[in-house]
Protein backbone atom coordinates (compact mmCIF):
# COMPACT_ATOMS: atom_id res chain seq x y z
CA MET A 1 -21.70 81.18 -30.07
CA ASN A 2 -20.64 78.65 -27.42
CA ILE A 3 -20.88 80.04 -23.90
CA ALA A 4 -19.58 78.70 -20.58
CA VAL A 5 -20.98 80.24 -17.38
CA PHE A 6 -19.24 79.66 -14.04
CA GLN A 7 -21.09 79.16 -10.76
CA PRO A 8 -18.46 78.76 -8.01
CA PRO A 9 -19.25 77.84 -4.39
CA TYR A 10 -19.67 81.02 -2.35
CA PRO A 11 -16.85 81.45 0.24
CA ALA A 12 -19.25 82.16 3.10
CA GLU A 13 -16.52 82.27 5.77
CA GLY A 14 -15.41 85.63 4.41
CA SER A 15 -11.78 84.82 5.13
CA VAL A 16 -8.69 85.20 2.98
CA ALA A 17 -8.30 81.42 2.94
CA SER A 18 -11.86 80.86 1.72
CA ALA A 19 -11.45 83.55 -0.94
CA GLU A 20 -8.26 81.87 -2.13
CA ALA A 21 -10.07 78.53 -2.27
CA CYS A 22 -12.76 80.10 -4.47
CA LEU A 23 -10.08 81.49 -6.79
CA ASP A 24 -8.54 78.01 -6.97
CA TRP A 25 -11.95 76.57 -7.95
CA MET A 26 -12.27 79.05 -10.80
CA ARG A 27 -8.68 78.49 -11.92
CA MET A 28 -9.18 74.71 -11.93
CA HIS A 29 -12.34 74.93 -14.03
CA LEU A 30 -10.74 77.40 -16.44
CA GLU A 31 -7.88 74.94 -16.86
CA GLY A 32 -10.45 72.20 -17.53
CA LEU A 33 -11.84 74.02 -20.56
CA LYS A 34 -10.46 73.00 -23.94
CA PRO A 35 -9.29 75.44 -26.62
CA GLY A 36 -11.68 75.98 -29.48
CA GLN A 37 -14.79 74.83 -27.61
CA GLN A 38 -15.91 78.19 -26.15
CA ASP A 39 -16.38 81.64 -27.61
CA LEU A 40 -17.29 83.30 -24.31
CA VAL A 41 -16.68 82.43 -20.66
CA LEU A 42 -18.46 84.45 -17.95
CA LEU A 43 -17.33 84.59 -14.30
CA PRO A 44 -19.24 86.19 -11.39
CA GLU A 45 -19.09 89.55 -9.62
CA TYR A 46 -16.00 90.43 -7.58
CA ALA A 47 -14.32 87.37 -9.02
CA ASN A 48 -10.92 88.66 -7.85
CA VAL A 49 -12.07 89.20 -4.21
CA PRO A 50 -14.85 86.64 -3.65
CA GLY A 51 -16.65 86.55 -0.34
CA LEU A 52 -14.65 89.26 1.42
CA GLY A 53 -16.86 91.68 3.33
CA ASP A 54 -14.53 94.47 4.44
CA GLY A 55 -13.51 97.26 2.10
CA GLU A 56 -9.90 97.49 3.24
CA ALA A 57 -9.46 93.72 3.16
CA MET A 58 -10.94 93.61 -0.34
CA ARG A 59 -8.53 96.26 -1.61
CA GLU A 60 -5.52 94.52 -0.04
CA PHE A 61 -6.58 91.18 -1.53
CA ALA A 62 -7.22 92.76 -4.94
CA VAL A 63 -3.67 94.11 -5.30
CA ARG A 64 -2.09 90.78 -4.28
CA GLN A 65 -3.96 87.51 -4.73
CA GLY A 66 -6.60 89.17 -6.89
CA ALA A 67 -4.00 90.57 -9.28
CA HIS A 68 -2.44 87.12 -9.69
CA PHE A 69 -5.90 85.71 -10.40
CA LEU A 70 -6.50 88.27 -13.16
CA GLU A 71 -3.16 87.25 -14.67
CA ALA A 72 -4.37 83.64 -14.63
CA VAL A 73 -7.63 84.69 -16.30
CA ALA A 74 -5.67 86.50 -19.01
CA ALA A 75 -3.50 83.42 -19.52
CA SER A 76 -6.60 81.22 -19.81
CA ALA A 77 -8.10 83.56 -22.41
CA ARG A 78 -4.89 83.31 -24.44
CA ARG A 79 -4.82 79.51 -24.14
CA LEU A 80 -8.49 79.05 -24.96
CA GLY A 81 -8.50 81.65 -27.73
CA CYS A 82 -11.80 83.05 -26.50
CA LEU A 83 -13.30 85.95 -24.55
CA VAL A 84 -13.30 85.64 -20.75
CA VAL A 85 -15.34 88.24 -18.85
CA LEU A 86 -15.65 88.92 -15.13
CA SER A 87 -16.39 91.68 -12.63
CA ALA A 88 -13.42 92.73 -10.51
CA LEU A 89 -12.60 95.23 -7.79
CA THR A 90 -10.35 97.57 -9.78
CA CYS A 91 -8.23 100.62 -8.96
CA ASP A 92 -7.97 103.33 -11.62
CA GLY A 93 -6.02 106.40 -10.55
CA SER A 94 -7.09 107.15 -7.01
CA ARG A 95 -10.56 105.64 -7.45
CA TRP A 96 -11.90 102.11 -6.99
CA PHE A 97 -14.56 100.64 -9.26
CA ASN A 98 -16.64 97.50 -9.59
CA ARG A 99 -15.41 96.98 -13.13
CA SER A 100 -16.30 94.37 -15.72
CA LEU A 101 -13.26 93.32 -17.72
CA GLY A 102 -12.93 91.26 -20.87
CA TYR A 103 -9.81 89.29 -21.82
CA ASP A 104 -9.21 87.53 -25.11
CA ALA A 105 -6.31 85.88 -26.90
CA LYS A 106 -4.61 89.26 -27.33
CA GLY A 107 -4.99 90.42 -23.70
CA LEU A 108 -7.28 92.96 -22.03
CA THR A 109 -9.94 94.15 -24.49
CA ASP A 110 -11.91 97.37 -24.74
CA LEU A 111 -14.86 95.62 -23.08
CA ILE A 112 -14.73 97.60 -19.84
CA TYR A 113 -17.79 98.66 -17.86
CA ASP A 114 -18.05 100.29 -14.43
CA LYS A 115 -21.12 99.25 -12.45
CA ILE A 116 -23.55 102.18 -12.40
CA HIS A 117 -25.96 101.21 -9.62
CA LEU A 118 -23.93 100.67 -6.45
CA THR A 119 -25.25 99.23 -3.20
CA ASP A 120 -24.88 101.02 0.14
CA PHE A 121 -22.03 98.67 1.04
CA GLU A 122 -20.17 99.47 -2.16
CA ARG A 123 -20.59 103.24 -1.76
CA GLU A 124 -20.09 103.61 1.98
CA ASP A 125 -17.90 100.69 3.11
CA CYS A 126 -15.85 100.17 -0.03
CA GLY A 127 -15.78 103.79 -1.22
CA LEU A 128 -16.43 102.77 -4.81
CA THR A 129 -17.13 105.22 -7.61
CA PRO A 130 -20.18 104.54 -9.81
CA GLY A 131 -19.85 104.30 -13.56
CA GLY A 132 -20.96 107.29 -15.58
CA ALA A 133 -22.28 105.80 -18.82
CA LEU A 134 -23.71 102.70 -20.48
CA ARG A 135 -21.56 100.92 -23.03
CA VAL A 136 -22.25 98.57 -25.94
CA PHE A 137 -19.20 97.00 -27.58
CA GLU A 138 -18.83 95.42 -30.99
CA TYR A 139 -16.86 92.19 -30.55
CA ALA A 140 -16.47 89.50 -33.21
CA GLY A 141 -19.67 90.60 -34.89
CA THR A 142 -21.72 90.62 -31.67
CA ARG A 143 -22.85 93.68 -29.71
CA ILE A 144 -22.04 93.01 -26.07
CA SER A 145 -23.02 95.04 -23.02
CA PHE A 146 -23.13 94.72 -19.23
CA ALA A 147 -25.37 94.88 -16.20
CA THR A 148 -23.62 94.02 -12.94
CA CYS A 149 -25.66 92.51 -10.07
CA PHE A 150 -27.72 95.43 -8.68
CA ASP A 151 -28.03 96.84 -12.22
CA LEU A 152 -30.45 93.95 -12.83
CA TYR A 153 -33.06 95.70 -10.71
CA PHE A 154 -33.36 98.66 -13.11
CA PRO A 155 -35.54 97.99 -16.17
CA GLU A 156 -34.52 101.34 -17.68
CA HIS A 157 -30.90 100.14 -17.72
CA PHE A 158 -31.92 97.28 -19.99
CA ALA A 159 -34.31 99.37 -22.06
CA ALA A 160 -31.41 101.69 -22.81
CA LEU A 161 -29.16 98.76 -23.79
CA GLY A 162 -31.88 97.55 -26.11
CA ALA A 163 -32.08 101.01 -27.67
CA LEU A 164 -28.33 100.90 -28.18
CA GLY A 165 -28.66 97.63 -30.10
CA ALA A 166 -27.08 95.14 -27.70
CA ASP A 167 -27.26 91.43 -28.58
CA LEU A 168 -25.95 90.09 -25.26
CA VAL A 169 -26.04 91.53 -21.75
CA LEU A 170 -23.44 89.96 -19.45
CA CYS A 171 -24.44 89.95 -15.79
CA SER A 172 -21.76 89.09 -13.26
CA SER A 173 -23.63 88.89 -9.95
CA TYR A 174 -23.65 88.15 -6.22
CA GLN A 175 -27.35 88.27 -5.18
CA ARG A 176 -26.60 85.94 -2.29
CA SER A 177 -29.91 86.54 -0.50
CA GLU A 178 -32.22 86.90 -3.48
CA SER A 179 -34.76 84.11 -3.95
CA ALA A 180 -34.21 81.58 -6.71
CA ASP A 181 -37.63 82.29 -8.20
CA ARG A 182 -37.08 86.06 -8.34
CA ILE A 183 -33.64 85.62 -9.89
CA ARG A 184 -35.21 83.65 -12.74
CA ILE A 185 -38.14 86.04 -13.16
CA GLN A 186 -35.83 89.04 -13.05
CA ALA A 187 -33.49 87.66 -15.72
CA GLN A 188 -36.43 86.71 -17.94
CA SER A 189 -37.98 90.16 -17.55
CA ARG A 190 -34.72 91.94 -18.34
CA ALA A 191 -34.31 89.85 -21.48
CA LEU A 192 -37.76 91.01 -22.58
CA ASP A 193 -37.00 94.62 -21.55
CA SER A 194 -33.94 94.69 -23.77
CA GLY A 195 -34.68 92.13 -26.48
CA THR A 196 -31.29 90.57 -25.74
CA TYR A 197 -29.80 87.39 -24.40
CA VAL A 198 -29.17 87.79 -20.68
CA ILE A 199 -26.27 85.73 -19.37
CA ARG A 200 -25.88 85.65 -15.60
CA SER A 201 -22.98 84.23 -13.57
CA SER A 202 -23.17 84.08 -9.78
CA TYR A 203 -22.10 82.05 -6.76
CA THR A 204 -24.03 79.22 -5.14
CA ARG A 205 -24.69 78.73 -1.45
CA GLY A 206 -25.97 75.20 -2.08
CA LEU A 207 -29.52 76.17 -1.06
CA ASP A 208 -32.83 75.48 -2.75
CA GLU A 209 -34.36 78.84 -1.86
CA VAL A 210 -31.72 81.50 -2.57
CA ALA A 211 -28.63 82.44 -4.58
CA GLY A 212 -27.06 80.37 -7.35
CA ARG A 213 -29.15 80.15 -10.53
CA SER A 214 -26.58 81.21 -13.07
CA LEU A 215 -28.63 81.46 -16.24
CA VAL A 216 -28.71 81.88 -19.98
CA VAL A 217 -31.98 83.50 -21.06
CA ALA A 218 -33.10 84.06 -24.66
CA PRO A 219 -34.57 87.36 -25.91
CA ASP A 220 -38.10 85.91 -25.66
CA GLY A 221 -37.60 85.16 -21.95
CA THR A 222 -36.98 81.42 -22.37
CA ILE A 223 -34.44 80.01 -19.89
CA LEU A 224 -31.99 78.04 -22.02
CA SER A 225 -29.82 76.86 -19.12
CA ASP A 226 -30.10 77.08 -15.32
CA ALA A 227 -27.27 76.05 -12.99
CA GLY A 228 -29.67 75.62 -10.09
CA LYS A 229 -27.94 75.31 -6.74
CA ALA A 230 -24.92 73.23 -7.78
CA ALA A 231 -21.35 74.49 -8.02
CA CYS A 232 -20.74 73.92 -11.70
CA VAL A 233 -20.02 75.28 -15.17
CA ILE A 234 -22.98 75.37 -17.55
CA GLU A 235 -22.48 75.43 -21.29
CA VAL A 236 -24.95 76.46 -23.98
CA LYS A 237 -24.88 77.36 -27.65
CA ILE A 238 -26.76 80.46 -28.81
CA ASN A 239 -27.22 82.51 -31.95
CA PRO A 240 -26.63 86.16 -30.87
CA GLY A 241 -28.34 87.40 -34.02
CA GLN A 242 -31.59 85.63 -33.19
CA LYS A 243 -34.32 88.05 -32.11
CA PHE A 244 -37.69 87.62 -30.45
CA MET A 245 -40.42 87.77 -33.09
CA LYS A 246 -44.07 88.22 -32.16
CA PRO A 247 -47.27 89.66 -33.66
CA ALA A 248 -47.46 93.45 -33.43
CA CYS A 249 -50.90 92.79 -31.97
CA HIS A 250 -53.56 90.12 -32.34
CA GLY A 251 -54.02 89.10 -35.96
CA PHE A 252 -51.11 91.15 -37.27
CA PRO A 253 -47.84 89.86 -38.84
CA ASP A 254 -44.81 89.07 -36.70
CA VAL A 255 -42.27 91.81 -36.00
CA GLU A 256 -39.15 91.92 -33.84
CA HIS A 257 -40.25 92.60 -30.26
CA ARG A 258 -37.56 95.21 -29.62
CA THR A 259 -38.28 97.03 -32.89
CA LEU A 260 -41.95 97.16 -31.98
CA ILE A 261 -41.20 98.60 -28.54
CA GLU A 262 -38.82 101.20 -29.97
CA GLU A 263 -41.34 102.33 -32.58
CA VAL A 264 -44.07 102.84 -30.00
CA ARG A 265 -41.93 104.19 -27.15
CA ARG A 266 -42.35 107.89 -26.27
CA PRO A 267 -38.78 109.09 -25.64
CA ALA A 268 -39.90 112.53 -24.52
CA VAL A 269 -41.30 111.00 -21.34
CA ARG A 270 -39.05 107.96 -21.00
CA ARG A 271 -35.34 107.36 -21.50
CA GLU A 272 -34.56 110.89 -22.66
CA ALA A 273 -30.89 110.82 -21.80
CA ILE A 274 -29.79 107.94 -23.99
CA ASP A 275 -31.67 109.30 -27.00
CA ARG A 276 -30.07 112.72 -26.58
CA VAL A 277 -26.61 111.20 -26.24
CA ARG A 278 -27.08 109.18 -29.38
CA LYS A 279 -28.45 112.12 -31.38
CA LEU A 280 -25.65 114.45 -30.32
CA ALA A 281 -22.84 111.93 -30.66
CA GLU A 282 -23.90 110.72 -34.12
CA ARG A 283 -23.97 114.16 -35.71
CA PRO A 284 -20.97 114.49 -38.05
CA PHE A 285 -18.42 117.28 -37.64
CA PRO A 286 -18.04 120.23 -37.85
CA TRP A 287 -19.65 121.37 -34.63
CA LEU A 288 -20.19 124.85 -33.24
CA CYS A 289 -19.29 125.55 -29.61
CA ALA A 290 -20.88 128.62 -28.00
CA HIS A 291 -18.02 130.29 -26.14
CA ARG A 292 -19.36 131.40 -22.73
CA GLY A 293 -22.81 130.94 -24.24
CA LEU A 294 -24.16 133.45 -26.75
CA SER A 295 -21.69 135.89 -25.30
CA LEU A 296 -21.82 138.75 -27.82
CA ALA A 297 -25.57 139.12 -27.37
CA CYS A 298 -26.07 138.12 -23.73
CA PRO A 299 -24.16 138.45 -20.47
CA GLU A 300 -21.40 135.86 -20.78
CA ASN A 301 -21.33 132.74 -18.63
CA THR A 302 -24.91 133.22 -17.44
CA ILE A 303 -28.05 131.13 -17.78
CA PRO A 304 -29.57 133.54 -20.37
CA ALA A 305 -26.41 133.22 -22.49
CA PHE A 306 -26.61 129.43 -22.31
CA ALA A 307 -30.33 129.38 -23.05
CA ALA A 308 -29.77 131.58 -26.10
CA ALA A 309 -26.97 129.29 -27.31
CA LEU A 310 -29.29 126.29 -27.04
CA ALA A 311 -32.00 128.17 -28.93
CA ALA A 312 -29.50 129.13 -31.63
CA GLY A 313 -28.62 125.47 -32.19
CA ALA A 314 -25.07 125.29 -30.80
CA HIS A 315 -23.74 121.73 -30.61
CA GLU A 316 -21.54 122.46 -27.60
CA ILE A 317 -21.46 125.14 -24.93
CA GLU A 318 -18.23 126.27 -23.29
CA PHE A 319 -18.08 127.83 -19.86
CA ASP A 320 -15.44 128.65 -17.26
CA VAL A 321 -15.30 127.37 -13.70
CA GLN A 322 -13.38 128.70 -10.73
CA THR A 323 -13.98 128.60 -7.00
CA SER A 324 -15.19 131.14 -4.46
CA ARG A 325 -13.51 131.79 -1.13
CA ASP A 326 -15.77 129.21 0.54
CA GLY A 327 -15.15 126.52 -2.06
CA VAL A 328 -18.23 126.90 -4.28
CA PRO A 329 -17.53 126.28 -7.99
CA VAL A 330 -18.83 129.34 -9.83
CA VAL A 331 -19.05 130.05 -13.55
CA CYS A 332 -16.88 133.05 -14.39
CA HIS A 333 -14.02 133.64 -16.80
CA ASP A 334 -12.03 136.48 -15.22
CA ASP A 335 -10.08 136.17 -11.98
CA THR A 336 -12.06 139.20 -10.79
CA VAL A 337 -15.73 140.16 -10.97
CA ASP A 338 -14.90 143.74 -11.98
CA ARG A 339 -15.55 143.54 -15.75
CA THR A 340 -18.81 141.58 -15.80
CA THR A 341 -20.59 142.60 -12.57
CA ASP A 342 -21.35 145.66 -10.48
CA GLY A 343 -18.89 144.43 -7.84
CA SER A 344 -15.14 144.26 -7.47
CA GLY A 345 -12.51 141.89 -6.20
CA LYS A 346 -11.15 138.45 -6.99
CA VAL A 347 -13.57 135.56 -7.26
CA ALA A 348 -11.32 133.57 -4.93
CA ASP A 349 -11.58 136.29 -2.27
CA LEU A 350 -15.39 136.51 -2.31
CA SER A 351 -17.86 134.13 -0.68
CA TRP A 352 -20.69 132.61 -2.66
CA ASP A 353 -23.17 134.70 -0.69
CA GLU A 354 -21.33 137.82 -1.83
CA ILE A 355 -21.07 136.64 -5.45
CA ARG A 356 -24.69 135.67 -5.90
CA ASP A 357 -25.87 139.15 -4.94
CA LEU A 358 -23.87 140.76 -7.75
CA ASP A 359 -25.53 142.03 -10.91
CA ALA A 360 -23.85 140.12 -13.74
CA GLY A 361 -25.96 141.53 -16.59
CA SER A 362 -26.21 145.29 -16.53
CA TYR A 363 -22.70 145.77 -17.95
CA LEU A 364 -24.39 144.97 -21.29
CA GLY A 365 -27.22 147.41 -20.65
CA GLU A 366 -30.14 147.94 -18.32
CA VAL A 367 -32.22 145.35 -20.16
CA TRP A 368 -30.00 142.72 -18.56
CA SER A 369 -30.15 144.17 -15.07
CA GLY A 370 -30.63 141.55 -12.39
CA VAL A 371 -28.96 138.63 -14.17
CA ARG A 372 -26.83 136.68 -11.70
CA MET A 373 -23.60 134.72 -11.89
CA PRO A 374 -24.45 130.99 -11.65
CA ARG A 375 -22.85 128.18 -9.72
CA LEU A 376 -21.61 125.14 -11.62
CA GLU A 377 -24.48 123.06 -10.23
CA ASP A 378 -26.99 125.62 -11.58
CA VAL A 379 -25.50 125.32 -15.06
CA LEU A 380 -25.45 121.53 -14.95
CA ALA A 381 -29.08 121.44 -13.83
CA PHE A 382 -30.01 123.63 -16.80
CA LEU A 383 -27.76 122.22 -19.54
CA GLY A 384 -27.20 118.61 -18.43
CA GLY A 385 -28.30 116.13 -21.11
CA ARG A 386 -29.26 118.89 -23.55
CA VAL A 387 -25.93 119.70 -25.22
CA ILE A 388 -22.27 118.74 -25.10
CA LEU A 389 -20.47 120.63 -22.33
CA ASN A 390 -16.98 122.07 -22.76
CA VAL A 391 -16.03 122.68 -19.13
CA HIS A 392 -13.02 125.00 -18.93
CA ILE A 393 -11.62 124.56 -15.42
CA ARG A 394 -9.45 127.50 -14.41
CA ASP A 395 -7.32 125.56 -11.95
CA ALA A 396 -3.59 125.90 -11.41
CA GLU A 397 -3.39 123.49 -8.47
CA GLY A 398 -5.76 120.59 -9.21
CA SER A 399 -8.11 120.75 -6.23
CA LEU A 400 -10.92 122.45 -8.17
CA THR A 401 -10.66 119.83 -10.89
CA THR A 402 -11.46 117.00 -8.49
CA LEU A 403 -14.45 118.92 -7.14
CA VAL A 404 -15.77 119.62 -10.63
CA CYS A 405 -15.32 115.99 -11.66
CA ASP A 406 -17.38 114.83 -8.67
CA LEU A 407 -20.21 117.20 -9.60
CA LEU A 408 -20.13 116.12 -13.24
CA ARG A 409 -20.28 112.45 -12.31
CA GLU A 410 -23.24 113.10 -10.04
CA ARG A 411 -25.22 115.42 -12.34
CA VAL A 412 -24.63 114.61 -16.03
CA ASN A 413 -24.06 111.81 -18.50
CA LEU A 414 -20.30 111.67 -18.94
CA ASP A 415 -20.66 111.00 -22.66
CA LEU A 416 -21.84 114.60 -23.02
CA VAL A 417 -19.00 116.40 -21.27
CA TYR A 418 -15.30 117.04 -21.59
CA LEU A 419 -12.80 119.01 -19.53
CA ALA A 420 -10.79 121.83 -21.12
CA LEU A 421 -7.60 122.02 -19.07
CA GLY A 422 -4.70 124.42 -19.37
CA SER A 423 -2.42 123.40 -16.52
CA GLU A 424 -0.42 120.26 -15.81
CA ALA A 425 -1.74 120.17 -12.25
CA ALA A 426 -5.33 120.09 -13.49
CA MET A 427 -4.47 117.37 -16.01
CA VAL A 428 -2.84 115.20 -13.34
CA ALA A 429 -5.82 115.69 -11.03
CA ALA A 430 -8.29 114.79 -13.79
CA MET A 431 -6.38 111.67 -14.82
CA ASP A 432 -6.05 110.50 -11.24
CA HIS A 433 -9.52 111.39 -10.00
CA ALA A 434 -11.70 110.88 -13.08
CA PRO A 435 -9.84 109.10 -15.88
CA ASP A 436 -13.16 108.27 -17.56
CA ILE A 437 -14.04 111.93 -18.26
CA SER A 438 -12.69 113.12 -21.63
CA ARG A 439 -10.01 115.82 -21.65
CA ALA A 440 -9.15 118.59 -24.09
CA CYS A 441 -5.59 119.89 -23.94
CA LEU A 442 -5.12 123.68 -23.72
CA ILE A 443 -1.48 123.52 -22.60
CA ASN A 444 0.85 125.47 -24.92
CA GLN A 445 -1.98 126.30 -27.35
CA GLY A 446 0.18 128.73 -29.26
CA ASN A 447 2.70 126.04 -30.24
CA ALA A 448 1.12 123.09 -32.07
CA SER A 449 3.97 120.62 -31.51
CA GLN A 450 4.09 121.36 -27.80
CA LEU A 451 0.29 121.20 -27.58
CA LEU A 452 0.25 117.76 -29.22
CA ALA A 453 3.07 116.55 -26.98
CA ALA A 454 1.14 117.63 -23.89
CA ALA A 455 -2.04 115.99 -25.21
CA ALA A 456 -0.16 112.72 -25.65
CA ALA A 457 1.45 112.95 -22.22
CA PHE A 458 -1.93 113.42 -20.55
CA ASP A 459 -3.88 110.95 -22.73
CA CYS A 460 -6.29 113.59 -24.02
CA GLN A 461 -9.05 113.06 -26.55
CA ARG A 462 -9.08 116.62 -27.90
CA VAL A 463 -6.74 119.50 -28.57
CA GLN A 464 -7.70 123.16 -28.79
CA PHE A 465 -5.66 125.30 -31.20
CA PHE A 466 -5.28 129.03 -31.43
CA ARG A 467 -5.98 130.75 -34.74
CA GLN A 468 -2.41 130.50 -36.05
CA VAL A 469 -2.76 126.75 -36.57
CA ASP A 470 -2.13 125.48 -40.10
CA GLU A 471 -3.48 122.56 -42.09
CA ALA A 472 -0.44 120.34 -41.54
CA GLU A 473 -0.72 120.74 -37.78
CA ILE A 474 -4.41 119.87 -37.86
CA ARG A 475 -3.63 116.83 -40.00
CA ALA A 476 -0.99 115.71 -37.51
CA ALA A 477 -3.53 116.02 -34.69
CA HIS A 478 -6.07 113.94 -36.59
CA GLU A 479 -3.46 111.30 -37.35
CA ALA A 480 -2.82 111.10 -33.60
CA GLY A 481 -6.54 110.54 -33.03
CA TYR A 482 -7.56 113.91 -31.58
CA VAL A 483 -10.71 115.92 -32.15
CA CYS A 484 -9.55 119.43 -33.07
CA ASN A 485 -11.09 122.55 -31.52
CA LEU A 486 -10.37 126.09 -32.70
CA PHE A 487 -10.36 129.09 -30.43
CA TRP A 488 -12.04 131.10 -32.01
CA SER A 489 -14.00 132.50 -34.99
CA ASP A 490 -16.95 134.92 -35.16
CA GLU A 491 -17.37 135.21 -38.92
CA PRO A 492 -18.91 132.45 -41.08
CA GLU A 493 -16.44 132.74 -43.94
CA ASP A 494 -13.50 132.74 -41.55
CA ALA A 495 -14.88 129.70 -39.70
CA ARG A 496 -15.44 127.82 -42.95
CA ARG A 497 -11.79 128.38 -43.89
CA TYR A 498 -10.71 126.61 -40.71
CA VAL A 499 -13.28 123.85 -41.20
CA ASP A 500 -11.91 123.30 -44.71
CA MET A 501 -8.47 122.92 -43.10
CA GLY A 502 -9.89 120.14 -40.93
CA ILE A 503 -11.04 121.82 -37.72
CA ASP A 504 -13.82 119.81 -36.05
CA VAL A 505 -15.22 122.26 -33.49
CA VAL A 506 -15.19 126.05 -33.74
CA LEU A 507 -15.61 128.11 -30.58
CA THR A 508 -17.57 131.28 -31.26
CA ASN A 509 -19.11 134.16 -29.34
CA CYS A 510 -22.03 134.53 -31.77
CA ALA A 511 -23.46 131.07 -32.44
CA ASN A 512 -26.66 132.63 -33.75
CA LYS A 513 -24.78 134.13 -36.69
CA MET A 514 -22.65 131.05 -37.33
CA VAL A 515 -24.82 127.99 -36.93
CA GLY A 516 -26.45 128.13 -40.37
CA GLY A 517 -23.16 127.39 -42.08
CA PHE A 518 -22.33 124.35 -39.95
CA GLU A 519 -23.68 121.44 -41.93
CA GLY A 520 -21.94 118.14 -41.19
CA ARG A 521 -19.23 117.32 -43.68
CA GLY A 522 -20.01 113.61 -43.18
CA ASP A 523 -16.45 112.34 -42.96
């Protein structure tokens, strides 16, 4: 693989004119590359808004000059017939991200990563939203991933990418004040942490002591190319499939370094989240979703019900969220507390202080006396990272959806959660506020064609059918790319009939009775 890494001069003036001059430098050097000579070109962080230090100015520049620059990058990728990657200030819905983007001869690729570890400036001055999950992408036979600037300071980020099998980690960076020596040591260490090539593109300030040092580092920590302090483009040829081989210990045969680390690593005490995500996501369908927890045996939508569902082996847990009078997201299905507590009144008319004093268990018998209704944050603290969450947001206006999305982003790995939404307002809010959180369509569940139309309109990843669904309708949903949920089944033979029709996930109130019959069908 032939790689070109850009190191533009940093526009230290922080003006629009200096930012435009930096864009011109990158355009000129892109135009100087010849088709067929590169497989990958890497540009630095904030390549569409270089040097600007004010959030509002950055956003204004991004939608004008920055947008034209991204068009030029896309055109260069088409002309060169190769992959061009950069980090850009990007708007998605109502949110702004520090987003890595990859362009190739066909246009914008699926290689998209939102920087996870944001600086104070990015969070507070720019109002950026952090990414919610690591990504490794298969591209032209190479597994490519990302770590943007500040991400380089987190060894666990790279350890996780190594566990996910990355070959290359692309690092678009600023690091304008970091010392040259630490930049080199850091990149070498991260290559060893992950067992990958680390390719870093940054800006130069023309100084011996700091900044610059765009690098290509091999998996064994060897620096293959170092741009130093010059404004330049460095080029290097690598073999992405080459791994770092070393003795397992003194006197023993060579093994791959990353394989050795993975075999010895104790995931129970380190890097739990990524291992759980992988284990859950790789299990073949069908899956069993515990509806309101183990709700036929325990008080529904309570921590005991969720704990019992986990113990029973449910693959997903569904729960309902609505908001109290004082804006606290609480987990409750009914509009009122009358059926499931010793109180009365609408959830929306009660404060959280009033709700949390209610007995939410004794309606099932005195043995459950004292069980309380949980807040959403209580449920996330208990279930987060342990099971896939089906979050049914009971929201007709959209405001609760945005609040729930913020809590999910803060508390859980977004690969282990999806939103079950039954109103257009909630769908619009989710798409605008958190387009990266998966959505299940519950709109018009009783009419398959209308359900599928709504799912397409709101770019959903799942649909949830009622029991009257037939095999042809499930097949149509699969052909459209949707995971198919069924609401509901509480009998194993009945559930198996729907699974045989193609249903992927069955919601049930008695996961303990059902889970034994849910062996993956392996398709």
